[in-house]
Amino acid sequence: MRRKGVDPLRWPSARRSMRCIALSLLFFSLYLAPANGSAPAGPNSEVPAKGMVTIVGICSEHCVPCRMMEPVLKKVEDEYKGKFALVCLDKDKNKDIAGKFKARVTPTLIFFDKDGKETHRHEGVMDKNEIVATLRKAGME
C-alpha cells in the first residue's frame, strides 16, 4: 500500500537497489559484447610475431588463474622452443592492452597463425595438451 505524497525512490533501499540493477546491466552488457576480430597490426607491431605461430597471453599480476597458467606456458615454451612465439602482456601495467586485443577476462590466450591471423581464443585456464593441440591447429610444426 502506497502512502499519499511519499515517493518510493526516495527510500535509501530503493535507490541502492536501482544502482545495483544499473551496475549489473552495465557489467553484463560489457561482458557479453562480441569479441571478434584480431589485434590491430601497426607498422612496428611485433605482436603477433611475424612468420611464426604466436600465443598472446593477456594476464594480470594479481590474477590467481594467471599465476596457475605461468608454469604450464613455461613448460610448453621449453619443450617447443623456437617453434612458436609466446608474448605475455600484463593488462594492469598496459591499460590499453585489454581493449586492443578485446580481452574481457584474464587469463585470455589468443592464438595466431604464421600470417598473423587469429585462429583461436581461450578465456580461462588451459592445460598443456590443449595448448599444444591448439598450436598445432594454428600451424606449428
Protein backbone atom coordinates (compact mmCIF):
# COMPACT_ATOMS: atom_id res chain seq x y z
CA MET A 1 0.00 0.00 0.00
CA ARG A 2 1.41 3.35 -1.01
CA ARG A 3 1.16 6.36 1.23
CA LYS A 4 0.00 9.60 -0.24
CA GLY A 5 2.83 12.04 -1.01
CA VAL A 6 5.67 9.53 -0.44
CA ASP A 7 7.99 8.76 -3.35
CA PRO A 8 9.33 5.20 -3.07
CA LEU A 9 12.53 6.14 -4.94
CA ARG A 10 13.46 8.44 -2.06
CA TRP A 11 13.90 5.49 0.24
CA PRO A 12 17.60 4.57 0.64
CA SER A 13 16.99 0.88 -0.02
CA ALA A 14 15.16 1.63 -3.28
CA ARG A 15 17.99 3.87 -4.52
CA ARG A 16 20.55 1.25 -3.59
CA SER A 17 18.58 -1.43 -5.44
CA MET A 18 18.25 0.71 -8.56
CA ARG A 19 22.00 1.41 -8.51
CA CYS A 20 22.74 -2.28 -8.12
CA ILE A 21 20.47 -3.18 -11.05
CA ALA A 22 22.03 -0.48 -13.26
CA LEU A 23 25.58 -1.63 -12.47
CA SER A 24 24.63 -5.26 -13.10
CA LEU A 25 23.16 -4.41 -16.50
CA LEU A 26 26.27 -2.41 -17.40
CA PHE A 27 28.58 -5.24 -16.33
CA PHE A 28 26.69 -7.91 -18.28
CA SER A 29 26.40 -5.76 -21.39
CA LEU A 30 30.19 -5.27 -21.37
CA TYR A 31 30.88 -8.93 -20.61
CA LEU A 32 28.59 -10.24 -23.36
CA ALA A 33 29.84 -7.80 -26.01
CA PRO A 34 31.18 -9.66 -29.05
CA ALA A 35 34.93 -10.13 -29.15
CA ASN A 36 35.51 -10.87 -32.81
CA GLY A 37 38.47 -9.70 -34.83
CA SER A 38 42.16 -9.92 -34.17
CA ALA A 39 44.71 -7.49 -32.83
CA PRO A 40 45.31 -4.41 -34.91
CA ALA A 41 48.71 -4.63 -36.54
CA GLY A 42 50.71 -1.45 -36.90
CA PRO A 43 53.87 -0.92 -38.96
CA ASN A 44 56.15 -1.51 -35.92
CA SER A 45 53.99 -4.19 -34.37
CA GLU A 46 55.71 -7.29 -33.02
CA VAL A 47 52.53 -8.83 -31.69
CA PRO A 48 51.80 -11.30 -33.16
CA ALA A 49 55.34 -12.30 -34.20
CA LYS A 50 55.81 -12.23 -37.97
CA GLY A 51 56.26 -15.57 -39.72
CA MET A 52 55.69 -17.59 -36.56
CA VAL A 53 52.76 -19.16 -34.74
CA THR A 54 52.16 -16.93 -31.71
CA ILE A 55 50.35 -17.14 -28.40
CA VAL A 56 49.45 -13.77 -26.90
CA GLY A 57 48.62 -14.16 -23.24
CA ILE A 58 46.69 -11.35 -21.58
CA CYS A 59 47.22 -11.68 -17.85
CA SER A 60 47.37 -9.78 -14.60
CA GLU A 61 49.86 -9.94 -11.76
CA HIS A 62 47.06 -10.28 -9.20
CA CYS A 63 45.12 -12.94 -11.09
CA VAL A 64 45.30 -16.39 -9.46
CA PRO A 65 44.40 -18.36 -12.66
CA CYS A 66 47.10 -16.36 -14.50
CA ARG A 67 49.67 -17.46 -11.93
CA MET A 68 48.45 -21.05 -12.35
CA MET A 69 48.98 -20.81 -16.13
CA GLU A 70 52.53 -19.46 -15.84
CA PRO A 71 54.32 -22.80 -15.21
CA VAL A 72 52.19 -24.54 -17.87
CA LEU A 73 53.13 -21.95 -20.51
CA LYS A 74 56.78 -22.10 -19.41
CA LYS A 75 56.79 -25.90 -19.82
CA VAL A 76 55.25 -25.67 -23.32
CA GLU A 77 57.71 -22.93 -24.27
CA ASP A 78 60.68 -25.03 -23.09
CA GLU A 79 59.51 -28.18 -24.91
CA TYR A 80 58.73 -26.43 -28.22
CA LYS A 81 61.43 -23.75 -28.17
CA GLY A 82 61.76 -21.95 -31.48
CA LYS A 83 58.56 -23.43 -32.93
CA PHE A 84 56.24 -20.69 -31.66
CA ALA A 85 56.41 -17.28 -30.02
CA LEU A 86 54.93 -16.58 -26.60
CA VAL A 87 54.06 -12.99 -25.71
CA CYS A 88 52.68 -12.33 -22.22
CA LEU A 89 51.12 -8.91 -21.67
CA ASP A 90 50.07 -7.58 -18.26
CA LYS A 91 46.81 -5.68 -18.62
CA ASP A 92 47.36 -3.83 -15.33
CA LYS A 93 50.67 -2.33 -16.48
CA ASN A 94 49.42 -1.58 -20.02
CA LYS A 95 45.88 -0.27 -19.70
CA ASP A 96 45.17 -0.30 -23.46
CA ILE A 97 46.09 -4.00 -23.90
CA ALA A 98 42.67 -5.41 -22.97
CA GLY A 99 40.93 -3.08 -25.41
CA LYS A 100 43.43 -3.65 -28.20
CA PHE A 101 43.01 -7.42 -28.05
CA LYS A 102 39.34 -7.32 -26.95
CA ALA A 103 40.17 -9.38 -23.85
CA ARG A 104 37.25 -9.46 -21.43
CA VAL A 105 38.75 -11.67 -18.73
CA THR A 106 42.16 -12.82 -17.54
CA PRO A 107 43.79 -15.05 -18.48
CA THR A 108 42.98 -14.84 -22.18
CA LEU A 109 45.13 -16.80 -24.62
CA ILE A 110 44.94 -15.71 -28.26
CA PHE A 111 46.50 -17.97 -30.88
CA PHE A 112 47.74 -16.54 -34.19
CA ASP A 113 48.96 -18.41 -37.28
CA LYS A 114 52.14 -17.53 -39.20
CA ASP A 115 50.28 -14.87 -41.19
CA GLY A 116 49.16 -13.08 -38.02
CA LYS A 117 45.53 -14.18 -38.32
CA GLU A 118 43.73 -15.09 -35.10
CA THR A 119 42.89 -18.81 -35.14
CA HIS A 120 41.66 -19.41 -31.60
CA ARG A 121 40.81 -17.52 -28.42
CA HIS A 122 40.50 -19.07 -24.98
CA GLU A 123 39.36 -17.36 -21.77
CA GLY A 124 40.46 -19.02 -18.54
CA VAL A 125 42.88 -21.78 -17.63
CA MET A 126 44.08 -24.22 -20.30
CA ASP A 127 46.10 -27.39 -19.76
CA LYS A 128 49.32 -28.27 -21.61
CA ASN A 129 47.72 -30.77 -24.00
CA GLU A 130 45.03 -28.29 -25.07
CA ILE A 131 47.65 -25.60 -25.69
CA VAL A 132 49.82 -27.92 -27.80
CA ALA A 133 46.79 -29.15 -29.81
CA THR A 134 45.70 -25.56 -30.47
CA LEU A 135 49.23 -24.59 -31.51
CA ARG A 136 49.27 -27.48 -33.99
CA LYS A 137 45.90 -26.40 -35.42
CA ALA A 138 47.37 -22.91 -35.85
CA GLY A 139 50.20 -24.38 -37.92
CA MET A 140 53.04 -25.19 -35.52
CA GLU A 141 55.25 -27.94 -36.94
